């Protein structure tokens, strides 16, 4: 399979000199802020919050204060803490996912030259990835690069967008 890649002249020189492709870190290297957006799914429930209270929050308190507080959260405390806990849990989940991705995943994007429309998409690709039309377009025969051909995954684009669901 023949694929192409738009890149800067500097990256092309590095590729030829080092015989290595640059693989981007999706957390920090992507140029579109929506290319690597995270969102956590799921609702915080009372059982999770009670467990967190018993196992993480309550043990940090002094013994005297622990004696004065109930073993589980009261309904009033639950309603008060729920929004804060939900936001903190969402942030923690997103940060741990981003941290894992940043340490383990790299992405190299290629294009199928047969599917690029000359004039439309081609101009955008030159503009975004080839240093504003000053870079290069490199062609690769993936049959000669085993590690690439074994790890190719197509990306499918859609015109539909996701909507934020408020809970």
C-alpha atoms as a PDB file:
ATOM      1  CA  UNK A   1       0.000   0.000   0.000  1.00  0.00           C
ATOM      2  CA  UNK A   2       1.271   3.456  -0.886  1.00  0.00           C
ATOM      3  CA  UNK A   3       0.638   6.197   1.665  1.00  0.00           C
ATOM      4  CA  UNK A   4       1.816   9.777   1.892  1.00  0.00           C
ATOM      5  CA  UNK A   5       2.663  12.175   4.650  1.00  0.00           C
ATOM      6  CA  UNK A   6       2.818  15.967   4.615  1.00  0.00           C
ATOM      7  CA  UNK A   7       5.553  17.364   6.819  1.00  0.00           C
ATOM      8  CA  UNK A   8       8.043  20.161   7.275  1.00  0.00           C
ATOM      9  CA  UNK A   9      11.318  20.219   5.382  1.00  0.00           C
ATOM     10  CA  UNK A  10      13.204  19.859   8.675  1.00  0.00           C
ATOM     11  CA  UNK A  11      11.309  16.692   9.620  1.00  0.00           C
ATOM     12  CA  UNK A  12      11.912  15.292   6.130  1.00  0.00           C
ATOM     13  CA  UNK A  13      15.659  15.845   6.493  1.00  0.00           C
ATOM     14  CA  UNK A  14      15.587  14.157   9.947  1.00  0.00           C
ATOM     15  CA  UNK A  15      13.676  11.221   8.465  1.00  0.00           C
ATOM     16  CA  UNK A  16      16.229  10.698   5.697  1.00  0.00           C
ATOM     17  CA  UNK A  17      19.254  11.267   7.951  1.00  0.00           C
ATOM     18  CA  UNK A  18      18.061   9.182  10.935  1.00  0.00           C
ATOM     19  CA  UNK A  19      15.927   6.650   8.998  1.00  0.00           C
ATOM     20  CA  UNK A  20      13.177   7.270  11.574  1.00  0.00           C
ATOM     21  CA  UNK A  21       9.722   8.757  11.451  1.00  0.00           C
ATOM     22  CA  UNK A  22       8.687  11.310  14.032  1.00  0.00           C
ATOM     23  CA  UNK A  23       5.787  10.006  16.113  1.00  0.00           C
ATOM     24  CA  UNK A  24       3.687  12.675  17.814  1.00  0.00           C
ATOM     25  CA  UNK A  25       2.579  12.593  21.414  1.00  0.00           C
ATOM     26  CA  UNK A  26      -1.203  13.122  21.189  1.00  0.00           C
ATOM     27  CA  UNK A  27      -1.388  14.949  24.514  1.00  0.00           C
ATOM     28  CA  UNK A  28       1.149  17.676  23.740  1.00  0.00           C
ATOM     29  CA  UNK A  29       2.029  17.602  20.023  1.00  0.00           C
ATOM     30  CA  UNK A  30      -1.295  17.716  18.200  1.00  0.00           C
ATOM     31  CA  UNK A  31      -2.050  21.079  16.606  1.00  0.00           C
ATOM     32  CA  UNK A  32      -5.848  20.824  16.805  1.00  0.00           C
ATOM     33  CA  UNK A  33      -7.178  21.194  20.364  1.00  0.00           C
ATOM     34  CA  UNK A  34     -10.118  18.897  19.545  1.00  0.00           C
ATOM     35  CA  UNK A  35      -7.987  16.011  18.247  1.00  0.00           C
ATOM     36  CA  UNK A  36      -7.361  14.649  21.711  1.00  0.00           C
ATOM     37  CA  UNK A  37     -10.270  15.692  23.879  1.00  0.00           C
ATOM     38  CA  UNK A  38     -11.112  13.561  26.859  1.00  0.00           C
ATOM     39  CA  UNK A  39     -14.407  13.219  28.552  1.00  0.00           C
ATOM     40  CA  UNK A  40     -15.352  10.931  31.350  1.00  0.00           C
ATOM     41  CA  UNK A  41     -18.561   9.023  31.143  1.00  0.00           C
ATOM     42  CA  UNK A  42     -20.628   7.904  34.048  1.00  0.00           C
ATOM     43  CA  UNK A  43     -22.492   9.259  36.999  1.00  0.00           C
ATOM     44  CA  UNK A  44     -21.159   9.398  40.539  1.00  0.00           C
ATOM     45  CA  UNK A  45     -23.358   7.400  42.866  1.00  0.00           C
ATOM     46  CA  UNK A  46     -23.924   7.425  46.589  1.00  0.00           C
ATOM     47  CA  UNK A  47     -22.192   4.078  47.146  1.00  0.00           C
ATOM     48  CA  UNK A  48     -18.969   5.307  45.476  1.00  0.00           C
ATOM     49  CA  UNK A  49     -19.028   8.514  47.486  1.00  0.00           C
ATOM     50  CA  UNK A  50     -19.648   6.663  50.781  1.00  0.00           C
ATOM     51  CA  UNK A  51     -16.739   4.312  50.031  1.00  0.00           C
ATOM     52  CA  UNK A  52     -14.476   7.271  49.220  1.00  0.00           C
ATOM     53  CA  UNK A  53     -15.557   9.006  52.432  1.00  0.00           C
ATOM     54  CA  UNK A  54     -14.917   5.890  54.570  1.00  0.00           C
ATOM     55  CA  UNK A  55     -11.632   4.853  52.925  1.00  0.00           C
ATOM     56  CA  UNK A  56     -10.009   8.174  51.998  1.00  0.00           C
ATOM     57  CA  UNK A  57     -11.517  11.188  53.729  1.00  0.00           C
ATOM     58  CA  UNK A  58     -12.548   9.989  57.189  1.00  0.00           C
ATOM     59  CA  UNK A  59      -9.239   8.216  58.045  1.00  0.00           C
ATOM     60  CA  UNK A  60      -7.358  11.489  57.541  1.00  0.00           C
ATOM     61  CA  UNK A  61      -9.289  13.146  60.357  1.00  0.00           C
ATOM     62  CA  UNK A  62      -8.243  13.094  64.005  1.00  0.00           C
ATOM     63  CA  UNK A  63      -9.631  10.267  66.167  1.00  0.00           C
ATOM     64  CA  UNK A  64     -11.746  12.760  68.162  1.00  0.00           C
ATOM     65  CA  UNK A  65     -13.302  14.194  65.021  1.00  0.00           C
ATOM     66  CA  UNK A  66     -13.926  10.718  63.599  1.00  0.00           C
ATOM     67  CA  UNK A  67     -15.943   9.835  66.752  1.00  0.00           C
ATOM     68  CA  UNK A  68     -18.187  12.844  66.168  1.00  0.00           C
ATOM     69  CA  UNK A  69     -18.929  11.999  62.526  1.00  0.00           C
ATOM     70  CA  UNK A  70     -21.187   9.249  61.195  1.00  0.00           C
ATOM     71  CA  UNK A  71     -19.668   6.156  59.526  1.00  0.00           C
ATOM     72  CA  UNK A  72     -21.349   7.050  56.235  1.00  0.00           C
ATOM     73  CA  UNK A  73     -22.307  10.385  54.773  1.00  0.00           C
ATOM     74  CA  UNK A  74     -25.578  11.947  55.752  1.00  0.00           C
ATOM     75  CA  UNK A  75     -27.998  12.901  52.969  1.00  0.00           C
ATOM     76  CA  UNK A  76     -27.224  16.572  53.532  1.00  0.00           C
ATOM     77  CA  UNK A  77     -23.462  15.982  53.299  1.00  0.00           C
ATOM     78  CA  UNK A  78     -23.953  13.836  50.184  1.00  0.00           C
ATOM     79  CA  UNK A  79     -25.893  16.584  48.386  1.00  0.00           C
ATOM     80  CA  UNK A  80     -23.306  19.179  49.405  1.00  0.00           C
ATOM     81  CA  UNK A  81     -20.260  17.134  48.384  1.00  0.00           C
ATOM     82  CA  UNK A  82     -21.641  15.494  45.244  1.00  0.00           C
ATOM     83  CA  UNK A  83     -20.861  18.338  42.761  1.00  0.00           C
ATOM     84  CA  UNK A  84     -17.345  18.881  44.154  1.00  0.00           C
ATOM     85  CA  UNK A  85     -16.527  15.182  44.276  1.00  0.00           C
ATOM     86  CA  UNK A  86     -17.892  14.587  40.797  1.00  0.00           C
ATOM     87  CA  UNK A  87     -15.720  17.392  39.342  1.00  0.00           C
ATOM     88  CA  UNK A  88     -12.618  16.188  41.225  1.00  0.00           C
ATOM     89  CA  UNK A  89     -13.169  12.593  40.073  1.00  0.00           C
ATOM     90  CA  UNK A  90     -13.609  13.753  36.464  1.00  0.00           C
ATOM     91  CA  UNK A  91     -10.370  15.780  36.642  1.00  0.00           C
ATOM     92  CA  UNK A  92      -8.490  12.875  38.259  1.00  0.00           C
ATOM     93  CA  UNK A  93      -9.718  10.423  35.607  1.00  0.00           C
ATOM     94  CA  UNK A  94      -8.808  12.742  32.738  1.00  0.00           C
ATOM     95  CA  UNK A  95      -5.380  13.475  34.217  1.00  0.00           C
ATOM     96  CA  UNK A  96      -4.573   9.797  34.791  1.00  0.00           C
ATOM     97  CA  UNK A  97      -5.651   8.919  31.240  1.00  0.00           C
ATOM     98  CA  UNK A  98      -3.651  11.806  29.780  1.00  0.00           C
ATOM     99  CA  UNK A  99      -0.645  10.816  31.875  1.00  0.00           C
ATOM    100  CA  UNK A 100      -0.806   7.193  30.670  1.00  0.00           C
ATOM    101  CA  UNK A 101      -1.269   8.239  27.034  1.00  0.00           C
ATOM    102  CA  UNK A 102       1.561  10.768  27.227  1.00  0.00           C
ATOM    103  CA  UNK A 103       3.938   8.056  28.474  1.00  0.00           C
ATOM    104  CA  UNK A 104       2.908   5.227  26.140  1.00  0.00           C
ATOM    105  CA  UNK A 105       1.260   6.310  22.882  1.00  0.00           C
ATOM    106  CA  UNK A 106       2.729   7.940  19.796  1.00  0.00           C
ATOM    107  CA  UNK A 107       0.906   8.592  16.558  1.00  0.00           C
ATOM    108  CA  UNK A 108       2.073   8.995  12.969  1.00  0.00           C
ATOM    109  CA  UNK A 109      -0.528  10.142  10.476  1.00  0.00           C
ATOM    110  CA  UNK A 110      -0.481   9.127   6.828  1.00  0.00           C
ATOM    111  CA  UNK A 111      -2.864   9.832   3.974  1.00  0.00           C
ATOM    112  CA  UNK A 112      -4.115   7.559   1.241  1.00  0.00           C
ATOM    113  CA  UNK A 113      -3.090   9.540  -1.853  1.00  0.00           C
ATOM    114  CA  UNK A 114      -5.932   7.982  -3.869  1.00  0.00           C
ATOM    115  CA  UNK A 115      -8.509   9.469  -1.498  1.00  0.00           C
ATOM    116  CA  UNK A 116      -7.169  13.029  -1.363  1.00  0.00           C
ATOM    117  CA  UNK A 117      -9.134  15.428  -3.499  1.00  0.00           C
ATOM    118  CA  UNK A 118      -6.762  17.693  -5.387  1.00  0.00           C
ATOM    119  CA  UNK A 119      -7.526  21.308  -4.668  1.00  0.00           C
ATOM    120  CA  UNK A 120      -9.703  20.833  -1.577  1.00  0.00           C
ATOM    121  CA  UNK A 121      -8.287  18.511   1.040  1.00  0.00           C
ATOM    122  CA  UNK A 122      -4.840  18.648  -0.531  1.00  0.00           C
ATOM    123  CA  UNK A 123      -4.599  22.405   0.080  1.00  0.00           C
ATOM    124  CA  UNK A 124      -5.635  21.972   3.720  1.00  0.00           C
ATOM    125  CA  UNK A 125      -3.096  19.200   4.270  1.00  0.00           C
ATOM    126  CA  UNK A 126      -0.304  21.302   2.730  1.00  0.00           C
ATOM    127  CA  UNK A 127      -1.363  24.239   4.867  1.00  0.00           C
ATOM    128  CA  UNK A 128      -1.712  22.409   8.208  1.00  0.00           C
ATOM    129  CA  UNK A 129       1.058  19.812   8.090  1.00  0.00           C
ATOM    130  CA  UNK A 130       3.622  21.010   5.561  1.00  0.00           C
ATOM    131  CA  UNK A 131       4.532  24.306   7.181  1.00  0.00           C
ATOM    132  CA  UNK A 132       2.075  26.442   5.240  1.00  0.00           C
ATOM    133  CA  UNK A 133       2.901  25.013   1.793  1.00  0.00           C
ATOM    134  CA  UNK A 134       6.683  25.249   2.409  1.00  0.00           C
ATOM    135  CA  UNK A 135       7.197  21.618   3.417  1.00  0.00           C
ATOM    136  CA  UNK A 136       7.161  18.333   1.565  1.00  0.00           C
ATOM    137  CA  UNK A 137       4.861  15.442   0.696  1.00  0.00           C
ATOM    138  CA  UNK A 138       6.608  12.082   1.145  1.00  0.00           C
ATOM    139  CA  UNK A 139       5.342   8.778  -0.259  1.00  0.00           C
ATOM    140  CA  UNK A 140       5.844   5.468   1.567  1.00  0.00           C
ATOM    141  CA  UNK A 141       5.442   1.894   0.364  1.00  0.00           C
ATOM    142  CA  UNK A 142       4.255   0.206   3.564  1.00  0.00           C
ATOM    143  CA  UNK A 143       5.063  -3.267   2.250  1.00  0.00           C
ATOM    144  CA  UNK A 144       8.733  -2.446   2.805  1.00  0.00           C
ATOM    145  CA  UNK A 145       8.222  -1.175   6.347  1.00  0.00           C
ATOM    146  CA  UNK A 146       6.958  -4.097   8.428  1.00  0.00           C
ATOM    147  CA  UNK A 147       6.513  -2.213  11.716  1.00  0.00           C
ATOM    148  CA  UNK A 148       4.344   0.368   9.995  1.00  0.00           C
ATOM    149  CA  UNK A 149       2.198  -2.006   7.974  1.00  0.00           C
ATOM    150  CA  UNK A 150       1.463  -4.130  11.081  1.00  0.00           C
ATOM    151  CA  UNK A 151       0.253  -1.108  13.026  1.00  0.00           C
ATOM    152  CA  UNK A 152      -1.860   0.802  10.511  1.00  0.00           C
ATOM    153  CA  UNK A 153      -5.367   1.697  11.584  1.00  0.00           C
ATOM    154  CA  UNK A 154      -7.742   3.695   9.409  1.00  0.00           C
ATOM    155  CA  UNK A 155      -9.391   6.825  10.747  1.00  0.00           C
ATOM    156  CA  UNK A 156     -12.956   7.526   9.752  1.00  0.00           C
ATOM    157  CA  UNK A 157     -14.227  11.082   9.876  1.00  0.00           C
ATOM    158  CA  UNK A 158     -17.805  12.091  10.362  1.00  0.00           C
ATOM    159  CA  UNK A 159     -19.767  15.301  10.004  1.00  0.00           C
ATOM    160  CA  UNK A 160     -21.667  14.657  13.234  1.00  0.00           C
ATOM    161  CA  UNK A 161     -20.426  16.158  16.488  1.00  0.00           C
ATOM    162  CA  UNK A 162     -20.850  15.071  20.066  1.00  0.00           C
ATOM    163  CA  UNK A 163     -22.897  17.132  22.444  1.00  0.00           C
ATOM    164  CA  UNK A 164     -22.098  17.642  26.081  1.00  0.00           C
ATOM    165  CA  UNK A 165     -24.623  15.966  28.338  1.00  0.00           C
ATOM    166  CA  UNK A 166     -25.169  17.768  31.604  1.00  0.00           C
ATOM    167  CA  UNK A 167     -26.039  15.541  34.502  1.00  0.00           C
END
